[in-house]
Every structure is written in C-alpha cells, then in structure tokens.
Amino acid sequence: MTDVLPVICQAVATVLEVPADSVVPAQHFADDLAADSLALVEIVEIVEEVLSNARPGFVIDDVDVDGFVTVQLLLDYCQARLQ
C-alpha cells in the first residue's frame, strides 16, 4: 500500500511553500497552514494525481474537499479509498 502521509506533506510543501517535514496530521489547513480554499484544491489535486498513479482509478470527490479541515482528515479519506 502507498504511504499516503508523505504524499500529502509534499503536496502541502509544494503549494504552500513550507518544509514537507514540518507538516503534521493534526494541523488545520486554514488555521495552522494558512491555506485558502484554492490552495486546498491544489493540494488535493496533487495528492489525487500521485495516488492515482499508484492505484489507477483513485479519485477524491470534489464534494468532499470542503470536509478536509485537517491534514489528518485528508489522510484518513485517502487511506480509506485506497483499501
């Protein structure tokens, strides 16, 4: 199974220009990482692209994006979809 957390951390680092090793699951995208809704969409798109390469057909539904308040919520969602 693909290790999802590093994928998310790298996506956050790319979009928000923060060190990937500073991103932790408990962080809130808006409050802790200062990610607006557009940044969150970009992060999700990167994660979806990387994970779909590892598992063809993997998608993150657009309607679910607003529910990703924390890194952990995105991580849990992706892990559940990969099972």
PDB file of N, CA and C in Angstrom:
ATOM      1  N   MET A   1       0.840  -1.183   0.000  1.00  0.00           N
ATOM      2  CA  MET A   1       0.000   0.000   0.000  1.00  0.00           C
ATOM      3  C   MET A   1       0.887   1.249   0.000  1.00  0.00           C
ATOM      4  N   THR A   2       0.436   2.265  -0.674  1.00  0.00           N
ATOM      5  CA  THR A   2       1.168   3.524  -0.755  1.00  0.00           C
ATOM      6  C   THR A   2       1.142   4.238   0.591  1.00  0.00           C
ATOM      7  N   ASP A   3       2.285   4.775   0.997  1.00  0.00           N
ATOM      8  CA  ASP A   3       2.357   5.572   2.220  1.00  0.00           C
ATOM      9  C   ASP A   3       1.824   6.966   1.877  1.00  0.00           C
ATOM     10  N   VAL A   4       0.661   7.288   2.387  1.00  0.00           N
ATOM     11  CA  VAL A   4      -0.072   8.478   1.968  1.00  0.00           C
ATOM     12  C   VAL A   4       0.447   9.757   2.617  1.00  0.00           C
ATOM     13  N   LEU A   5       0.859   9.701   3.871  1.00  0.00           N
ATOM     14  CA  LEU A   5       1.264  10.924   4.564  1.00  0.00           C
ATOM     15  C   LEU A   5       2.384  11.671   3.844  1.00  0.00           C
ATOM     16  N   PRO A   6       3.444  11.011   3.394  1.00  0.00           N
ATOM     17  CA  PRO A   6       4.475  11.764   2.669  1.00  0.00           C
ATOM     18  C   PRO A   6       3.961  12.414   1.389  1.00  0.00           C
ATOM     19  N   VAL A   7       2.996  11.780   0.741  1.00  0.00           N
ATOM     20  CA  VAL A   7       2.408  12.358  -0.468  1.00  0.00           C
ATOM     21  C   VAL A   7       1.687  13.656  -0.119  1.00  0.00           C
ATOM     22  N   ILE A   8       0.911  13.625   0.949  1.00  0.00           N
ATOM     23  CA  ILE A   8       0.187  14.822   1.381  1.00  0.00           C
ATOM     24  C   ILE A   8       1.164  15.903   1.826  1.00  0.00           C
ATOM     25  N   CYS A   9       2.157  15.529   2.609  1.00  0.00           N
ATOM     26  CA  CYS A   9       3.131  16.515   3.099  1.00  0.00           C
ATOM     27  C   CYS A   9       3.861  17.196   1.942  1.00  0.00           C
ATOM     28  N   GLN A  10       4.224  16.427   0.932  1.00  0.00           N
ATOM     29  CA  GLN A  10       4.913  17.001  -0.224  1.00  0.00           C
ATOM     30  C   GLN A  10       3.988  17.921  -1.004  1.00  0.00           C
ATOM     31  N   ALA A  11       2.718  17.547  -1.129  1.00  0.00           N
ATOM     32  CA  ALA A  11       1.754  18.403  -1.827  1.00  0.00           C
ATOM     33  C   ALA A  11       1.573  19.724  -1.081  1.00  0.00           C
ATOM     34  N   VAL A  12       1.463  19.657   0.237  1.00  0.00           N
ATOM     35  CA  VAL A  12       1.337  20.869   1.051  1.00  0.00           C
ATOM     36  C   VAL A  12       2.590  21.727   0.895  1.00  0.00           C
ATOM     37  N   ALA A  13       3.747  21.096   0.936  1.00  0.00           N
ATOM     38  CA  ALA A  13       5.006  21.826   0.794  1.00  0.00           C
ATOM     39  C   ALA A  13       5.083  22.528  -0.555  1.00  0.00           C
ATOM     40  N   THR A  14       4.657  21.850  -1.598  1.00  0.00           N
ATOM     41  CA  THR A  14       4.706  22.420  -2.939  1.00  0.00           C
ATOM     42  C   THR A  14       3.779  23.622  -3.072  1.00  0.00           C
ATOM     43  N   VAL A  15       2.563  23.481  -2.601  1.00  0.00           N
ATOM     44  CA  VAL A  15       1.559  24.540  -2.775  1.00  0.00           C
ATOM     45  C   VAL A  15       1.796  25.711  -1.818  1.00  0.00           C
ATOM     46  N   LEU A  16       2.109  25.396  -0.577  1.00  0.00           N
ATOM     47  CA  LEU A  16       2.205  26.448   0.445  1.00  0.00           C
ATOM     48  C   LEU A  16       3.633  26.919   0.711  1.00  0.00           C
ATOM     49  N   GLU A  17       4.590  26.293   0.039  1.00  0.00           N
ATOM     50  CA  GLU A  17       5.998  26.656   0.183  1.00  0.00           C
ATOM     51  C   GLU A  17       6.465  26.603   1.647  1.00  0.00           C
ATOM     52  N   VAL A  18       6.180  25.456   2.261  1.00  0.00           N
ATOM     53  CA  VAL A  18       6.647  25.172   3.617  1.00  0.00           C
ATOM     54  C   VAL A  18       7.449  23.878   3.556  1.00  0.00           C
ATOM     55  N   PRO A  19       8.322  23.633   4.517  1.00  0.00           N
ATOM     56  CA  PRO A  19       9.064  22.373   4.517  1.00  0.00           C
ATOM     57  C   PRO A  19       8.120  21.186   4.713  1.00  0.00           C
ATOM     58  N   ALA A  20       8.278  20.170   3.896  1.00  0.00           N
ATOM     59  CA  ALA A  20       7.414  18.988   3.989  1.00  0.00           C
ATOM     60  C   ALA A  20       7.503  18.330   5.362  1.00  0.00           C
ATOM     61  N   ASP A  21       8.691  18.368   5.966  1.00  0.00           N
ATOM     62  CA  ASP A  21       8.848  17.717   7.273  1.00  0.00           C
ATOM     63  C   ASP A  21       8.221  18.511   8.419  1.00  0.00           C
ATOM     64  N   SER A  22       7.702  19.706   8.121  1.00  0.00           N
ATOM     65  CA  SER A  22       7.029  20.489   9.155  1.00  0.00           C
ATOM     66  C   SER A  22       5.520  20.248   9.168  1.00  0.00           C
ATOM     67  N   VAL A  23       5.027  19.509   8.197  1.00  0.00           N
ATOM     68  CA  VAL A  23       3.590  19.235   8.089  1.00  0.00           C
ATOM     69  C   VAL A  23       3.254  18.000   8.915  1.00  0.00           C
ATOM     70  N   VAL A  24       2.278  18.142   9.824  1.00  0.00           N
ATOM     71  CA  VAL A  24       1.870  17.028  10.684  1.00  0.00           C
ATOM     72  C   VAL A  24       0.352  16.839  10.589  1.00  0.00           C
ATOM     73  N   PRO A  25      -0.111  15.618  10.846  1.00  0.00           N
ATOM     74  CA  PRO A  25      -1.535  15.321  10.676  1.00  0.00           C
ATOM     75  C   PRO A  25      -2.492  16.219  11.466  1.00  0.00           C
ATOM     76  N   ALA A  26      -2.099  16.685  12.622  1.00  0.00           N
ATOM     77  CA  ALA A  26      -3.007  17.473  13.451  1.00  0.00           C
ATOM     78  C   ALA A  26      -3.228  18.902  12.941  1.00  0.00           C
ATOM     79  N   GLN A  27      -2.442  19.328  11.999  1.00  0.00           N
ATOM     80  CA  GLN A  27      -2.549  20.712  11.534  1.00  0.00           C
ATOM     81  C   GLN A  27      -3.832  20.959  10.745  1.00  0.00           C
ATOM     82  N   HIS A  28      -4.406  22.130  11.013  1.00  0.00           N
ATOM     83  CA  HIS A  28      -5.568  22.609  10.256  1.00  0.00           C
ATOM     84  C   HIS A  28      -5.040  23.307   9.009  1.00  0.00           C
ATOM     85  N   PHE A  29      -5.655  23.011   7.875  1.00  0.00           N
ATOM     86  CA  PHE A  29      -5.205  23.641   6.640  1.00  0.00           C
ATOM     87  C   PHE A  29      -5.327  25.157   6.723  1.00  0.00           C
ATOM     88  N   ALA A  30      -6.457  25.668   7.184  1.00  0.00           N
ATOM     89  CA  ALA A  30      -6.669  27.116   7.215  1.00  0.00           C
ATOM     90  C   ALA A  30      -5.954  27.763   8.399  1.00  0.00           C
ATOM     91  N   ASP A  31      -6.192  27.249   9.592  1.00  0.00           N
ATOM     92  CA  ASP A  31      -5.693  27.900  10.807  1.00  0.00           C
ATOM     93  C   ASP A  31      -4.181  27.781  10.995  1.00  0.00           C
ATOM     94  N   ASP A  32      -3.641  26.598  10.755  1.00  0.00           N
ATOM     95  CA  ASP A  32      -2.226  26.365  11.019  1.00  0.00           C
ATOM     96  C   ASP A  32      -1.332  26.573   9.799  1.00  0.00           C
ATOM     97  N   LEU A  33      -1.873  26.250   8.623  1.00  0.00           N
ATOM     98  CA  LEU A  33      -1.057  26.314   7.410  1.00  0.00           C
ATOM     99  C   LEU A  33      -1.410  27.495   6.509  1.00  0.00           C
ATOM    100  N   ALA A  34      -2.426  28.261   6.890  1.00  0.00           N
ATOM    101  CA  ALA A  34      -2.864  29.441   6.134  1.00  0.00           C
ATOM    102  C   ALA A  34      -3.241  29.104   4.687  1.00  0.00           C
ATOM    103  N   ALA A  35      -3.855  27.938   4.504  1.00  0.00           N
ATOM    104  CA  ALA A  35      -4.293  27.518   3.176  1.00  0.00           C
ATOM    105  C   ALA A  35      -5.716  28.012   2.935  1.00  0.00           C
ATOM    106  N   ASP A  36      -5.906  28.744   1.855  1.00  0.00           N
ATOM    107  CA  ASP A  36      -7.261  29.133   1.490  1.00  0.00           C
ATOM    108  C   ASP A  36      -7.896  28.007   0.679  1.00  0.00           C
ATOM    109  N   SER A  37      -9.128  28.213   0.244  1.00  0.00           N
ATOM    110  CA  SER A  37      -9.839  27.137  -0.452  1.00  0.00           C
ATOM    111  C   SER A  37      -9.172  26.765  -1.774  1.00  0.00           C
ATOM    112  N   LEU A  38      -8.602  27.724  -2.461  1.00  0.00           N
ATOM    113  CA  LEU A  38      -7.916  27.436  -3.722  1.00  0.00           C
ATOM    114  C   LEU A  38      -6.660  26.595  -3.471  1.00  0.00           C
ATOM    115  N   ALA A  39      -5.917  26.939  -2.434  1.00  0.00           N
ATOM    116  CA  ALA A  39      -4.721  26.169  -2.088  1.00  0.00           C
ATOM    117  C   ALA A  39      -5.099  24.733  -1.727  1.00  0.00           C
ATOM    118  N   LEU A  40      -6.197  24.579  -0.996  1.00  0.00           N
ATOM    119  CA  LEU A  40      -6.630  23.238  -0.616  1.00  0.00           C
ATOM    120  C   LEU A  40      -6.988  22.417  -1.856  1.00  0.00           C
ATOM    121  N   VAL A  41      -7.656  23.037  -2.803  1.00  0.00           N
ATOM    122  CA  VAL A  41      -7.985  22.337  -4.054  1.00  0.00           C
ATOM    123  C   VAL A  41      -6.709  21.915  -4.775  1.00  0.00           C
ATOM    124  N   GLU A  42      -5.716  22.786  -4.815  1.00  0.00           N
ATOM    125  CA  GLU A  42      -4.442  22.452  -5.464  1.00  0.00           C
ATOM    126  C   GLU A  42      -3.758  21.283  -4.761  1.00  0.00           C
ATOM    127  N   ILE A  43      -3.777  21.301  -3.435  1.00  0.00           N
ATOM    128  CA  ILE A  43      -3.179  20.215  -2.652  1.00  0.00           C
ATOM    129  C   ILE A  43      -3.882  18.900  -2.970  1.00  0.00           C
ATOM    130  N   VAL A  44      -5.197  18.932  -2.966  1.00  0.00           N
ATOM    131  CA  VAL A  44      -5.984  17.736  -3.236  1.00  0.00           C
ATOM    132  C   VAL A  44      -5.721  17.223  -4.651  1.00  0.00           C
ATOM    133  N   GLU A  45      -5.606  18.116  -5.615  1.00  0.00           N
ATOM    134  CA  GLU A  45      -5.334  17.702  -6.998  1.00  0.00           C
ATOM    135  C   GLU A  45      -3.980  16.989  -7.114  1.00  0.00           C
ATOM    136  N   ILE A  46      -2.974  17.509  -6.428  1.00  0.00           N
ATOM    137  CA  ILE A  46      -1.652  16.873  -6.453  1.00  0.00           C
ATOM    138  C   ILE A  46      -1.723  15.494  -5.805  1.00  0.00           C
ATOM    139  N   VAL A  47      -2.362  15.420  -4.641  1.00  0.00           N
ATOM    140  CA  VAL A  47      -2.482  14.134  -3.942  1.00  0.00           C
ATOM    141  C   VAL A  47      -3.217  13.130  -4.823  1.00  0.00           C
ATOM    142  N   GLU A  48      -4.303  13.579  -5.429  1.00  0.00           N
ATOM    143  CA  GLU A  48      -5.084  12.695  -6.290  1.00  0.00           C
ATOM    144  C   GLU A  48      -4.255  12.191  -7.476  1.00  0.00           C
ATOM    145  N   GLU A  49      -3.487  13.070  -8.076  1.00  0.00           N
ATOM    146  CA  GLU A  49      -2.659  12.680  -9.218  1.00  0.00           C
ATOM    147  C   GLU A  49      -1.615  11.642  -8.825  1.00  0.00           C
ATOM    148  N   VAL A  50      -0.927  11.888  -7.715  1.00  0.00           N
ATOM    149  CA  VAL A  50       0.117  10.963  -7.276  1.00  0.00           C
ATOM    150  C   VAL A  50      -0.483   9.609  -6.893  1.00  0.00           C
ATOM    151  N   LEU A  51      -1.577   9.633  -6.139  1.00  0.00           N
ATOM    152  CA  LEU A  51      -2.168   8.381  -5.689  1.00  0.00           C
ATOM    153  C   LEU A  51      -2.846   7.619  -6.833  1.00  0.00           C
ATOM    154  N   SER A  52      -3.341   8.339  -7.833  1.00  0.00           N
ATOM    155  CA  SER A  52      -3.952   7.649  -8.971  1.00  0.00           C
ATOM    156  C   SER A  52      -2.890   6.958  -9.821  1.00  0.00           C
ATOM    157  N   ASN A  53      -1.651   7.434  -9.750  1.00  0.00           N
ATOM    158  CA  ASN A  53      -0.553   6.736 -10.425  1.00  0.00           C
ATOM    159  C   ASN A  53      -0.223   5.431  -9.705  1.00  0.00           C
ATOM    160  N   ALA A  54      -0.356   5.445  -8.381  1.00  0.00           N
ATOM    161  CA  ALA A  54      -0.090   4.253  -7.585  1.00  0.00           C
ATOM    162  C   ALA A  54      -1.254   3.266  -7.660  1.00  0.00           C
ATOM    163  N   ARG A  55      -2.456   3.802  -7.741  1.00  0.00           N
ATOM    164  CA  ARG A  55      -3.654   2.961  -7.831  1.00  0.00           C
ATOM    165  C   ARG A  55      -4.600   3.566  -8.858  1.00  0.00           C
ATOM    166  N   PRO A  56      -4.544   3.081 -10.075  1.00  0.00           N
ATOM    167  CA  PRO A  56      -5.405   3.609 -11.133  1.00  0.00           C
ATOM    168  C   PRO A  56      -6.877   3.617 -10.709  1.00  0.00           C
ATOM    169  N   GLY A  57      -7.539   4.718 -11.028  1.00  0.00           N
ATOM    170  CA  GLY A  57      -8.942   4.857 -10.670  1.00  0.00           C
ATOM    171  C   GLY A  57      -9.165   5.580  -9.356  1.00  0.00           C
ATOM    172  N   PHE A  58      -8.081   5.856  -8.611  1.00  0.00           N
ATOM    173  CA  PHE A  58      -8.226   6.580  -7.349  1.00  0.00           C
ATOM    174  C   PHE A  58      -8.692   8.000  -7.641  1.00  0.00           C
ATOM    175  N   VAL A  59      -9.757   8.423  -6.977  1.00  0.00           N
ATOM    176  CA  VAL A  59     -10.248   9.794  -7.123  1.00  0.00           C
ATOM    177  C   VAL A  59     -10.649  10.345  -5.760  1.00  0.00           C
ATOM    178  N   ILE A  60     -10.561  11.654  -5.654  1.00  0.00           N
ATOM    179  CA  ILE A  60     -11.072  12.370  -4.495  1.00  0.00           C
ATOM    180  C   ILE A  60     -12.256  13.179  -5.010  1.00  0.00           C
ATOM    181  N   ASP A  61     -13.430  12.892  -4.496  1.00  0.00           N
ATOM    182  CA  ASP A  61     -14.639  13.562  -4.962  1.00  0.00           C
ATOM    183  C   ASP A  61     -14.612  15.039  -4.604  1.00  0.00           C
ATOM    184  N   ASP A  62     -14.967  15.876  -5.580  1.00  0.00           N
ATOM    185  CA  ASP A  62     -14.966  17.326  -5.375  1.00  0.00           C
ATOM    186  C   ASP A  62     -15.834  17.744  -4.191  1.00  0.00           C
ATOM    187  N   VAL A  63     -16.944  17.071  -3.996  1.00  0.00           N
ATOM    188  CA  VAL A  63     -17.855  17.437  -2.910  1.00  0.00           C
ATOM    189  C   VAL A  63     -17.251  17.167  -1.536  1.00  0.00           C
ATOM    190  N   ASP A  64     -16.207  16.350  -1.475  1.00  0.00           N
ATOM    191  CA  ASP A  64     -15.588  16.010  -0.193  1.00  0.00           C
ATOM    192  C   ASP A  64     -14.484  16.983   0.229  1.00  0.00           C
ATOM    193  N   VAL A  65     -14.018  17.805  -0.690  1.00  0.00           N
ATOM    194  CA  VAL A  65     -12.860  18.663  -0.421  1.00  0.00           C
ATOM    195  C   VAL A  65     -13.103  19.613   0.750  1.00  0.00           C
ATOM    196  N   ASP A  66     -14.280  20.184   0.850  1.00  0.00           N
ATOM    197  CA  ASP A  66     -14.565  21.121   1.941  1.00  0.00           C
ATOM    198  C   ASP A  66     -14.477  20.465   3.316  1.00  0.00           C
ATOM    199  N   GLY A  67     -14.580  19.152   3.371  1.00  0.00           N
ATOM    200  CA  GLY A  67     -14.503  18.448   4.647  1.00  0.00           C
ATOM    201  C   GLY A  67     -13.089  18.217   5.142  1.00  0.00           C
ATOM    202  N   PHE A  68     -12.107  18.517   4.319  1.00  0.00           N
ATOM    203  CA  PHE A  68     -10.717  18.307   4.717  1.00  0.00           C
ATOM    204  C   PHE A  68     -10.220  19.513   5.503  1.00  0.00           C
ATOM    205  N   VAL A  69     -10.589  19.556   6.757  1.00  0.00           N
ATOM    206  CA  VAL A  69     -10.212  20.673   7.628  1.00  0.00           C
ATOM    207  C   VAL A  69      -8.784  20.508   8.128  1.00  0.00           C
ATOM    208  N   THR A  70      -8.398  19.257   8.344  1.00  0.00           N
ATOM    209  CA  THR A  70      -7.050  18.972   8.839  1.00  0.00           C
ATOM    210  C   THR A  70      -6.330  18.031   7.880  1.00  0.00           C
ATOM    211  N   VAL A  71      -5.038  17.969   8.037  1.00  0.00           N
ATOM    212  CA  VAL A  71      -4.229  17.024   7.275  1.00  0.00           C
ATOM    213  C   VAL A  71      -4.696  15.603   7.584  1.00  0.00           C
ATOM    214  N   GLN A  72      -5.014  15.337   8.837  1.00  0.00           N
ATOM    215  CA  GLN A  72      -5.458  14.003   9.248  1.00  0.00           C
ATOM    216  C   GLN A  72      -6.732  13.576   8.526  1.00  0.00           C
ATOM    217  N   LEU A  73      -7.672  14.490   8.352  1.00  0.00           N
ATOM    218  CA  LEU A  73      -8.914  14.147   7.665  1.00  0.00           C
ATOM    219  C   LEU A  73      -8.663  13.768   6.206  1.00  0.00           C
ATOM    220  N   LEU A  74      -7.770  14.491   5.552  1.00  0.00           N
ATOM    221  CA  LEU A  74      -7.403  14.143   4.180  1.00  0.00           C
ATOM    222  C   LEU A  74      -6.680  12.796   4.157  1.00  0.00           C
ATOM    223  N   LEU A  75      -5.801  12.581   5.104  1.00  0.00           N
ATOM    224  CA  LEU A  75      -5.072  11.317   5.209  1.00  0.00           C
ATOM    225  C   LEU A  75      -6.031  10.145   5.402  1.00  0.00           C
ATOM    226  N   ASP A  76      -6.965  10.277   6.339  1.00  0.00           N
ATOM    227  CA  ASP A  76      -7.932   9.206   6.613  1.00  0.00           C
ATOM    228  C   ASP A  76      -8.770   8.901   5.380  1.00  0.00           C
ATOM    229  N   TYR A  77      -9.207   9.942   4.699  1.00  0.00           N
ATOM    230  CA  TYR A  77     -10.022   9.791   3.496  1.00  0.00           C
ATOM    231  C   TYR A  77      -9.259   9.004   2.428  1.00  0.00           C
ATOM    232  N   CYS A  78      -8.033   9.412   2.188  1.00  0.00           N
ATOM    233  CA  CYS A  78      -7.225   8.746   1.160  1.00  0.00           C
ATOM    234  C   CYS A  78      -6.947   7.295   1.520  1.00  0.00           C
ATOM    235  N   GLN A  79      -6.598   7.061   2.757  1.00  0.00           N
ATOM    236  CA  GLN A  79      -6.308   5.695   3.179  1.00  0.00           C
ATOM    237  C   GLN A  79      -7.545   4.794   3.039  1.00  0.00           C
ATOM    238  N   ALA A  80      -8.713   5.331   3.386  1.00  0.00           N
ATOM    239  CA  ALA A  80      -9.936   4.544   3.246  1.00  0.00           C
ATOM    240  C   ALA A  80     -10.233   4.230   1.784  1.00  0.00           C
ATOM    241  N   ARG A  81      -9.971   5.190   0.906  1.00  0.00           N
ATOM    242  CA  ARG A  81     -10.218   4.992  -0.522  1.00  0.00           C
ATOM    243  C   ARG A  81      -9.230   4.024  -1.164  1.00  0.00           C
ATOM    244  N   LEU A  82      -8.062   3.895  -0.569  1.00  0.00           N
ATOM    245  CA  LEU A  82      -7.045   3.003  -1.124  1.00  0.00           C
ATOM    246  C   LEU A  82      -7.234   1.545  -0.693  1.00  0.00           C
ATOM    247  N   GLN A  83      -8.076   1.312   0.285  1.00  0.00           N
ATOM    248  CA  GLN A  83      -8.260  -0.066   0.780  1.00  0.00           C
ATOM    249  C   GLN A  83      -9.137  -0.859  -0.142  1.00  0.00           C
TER     250      GLN A  83
END
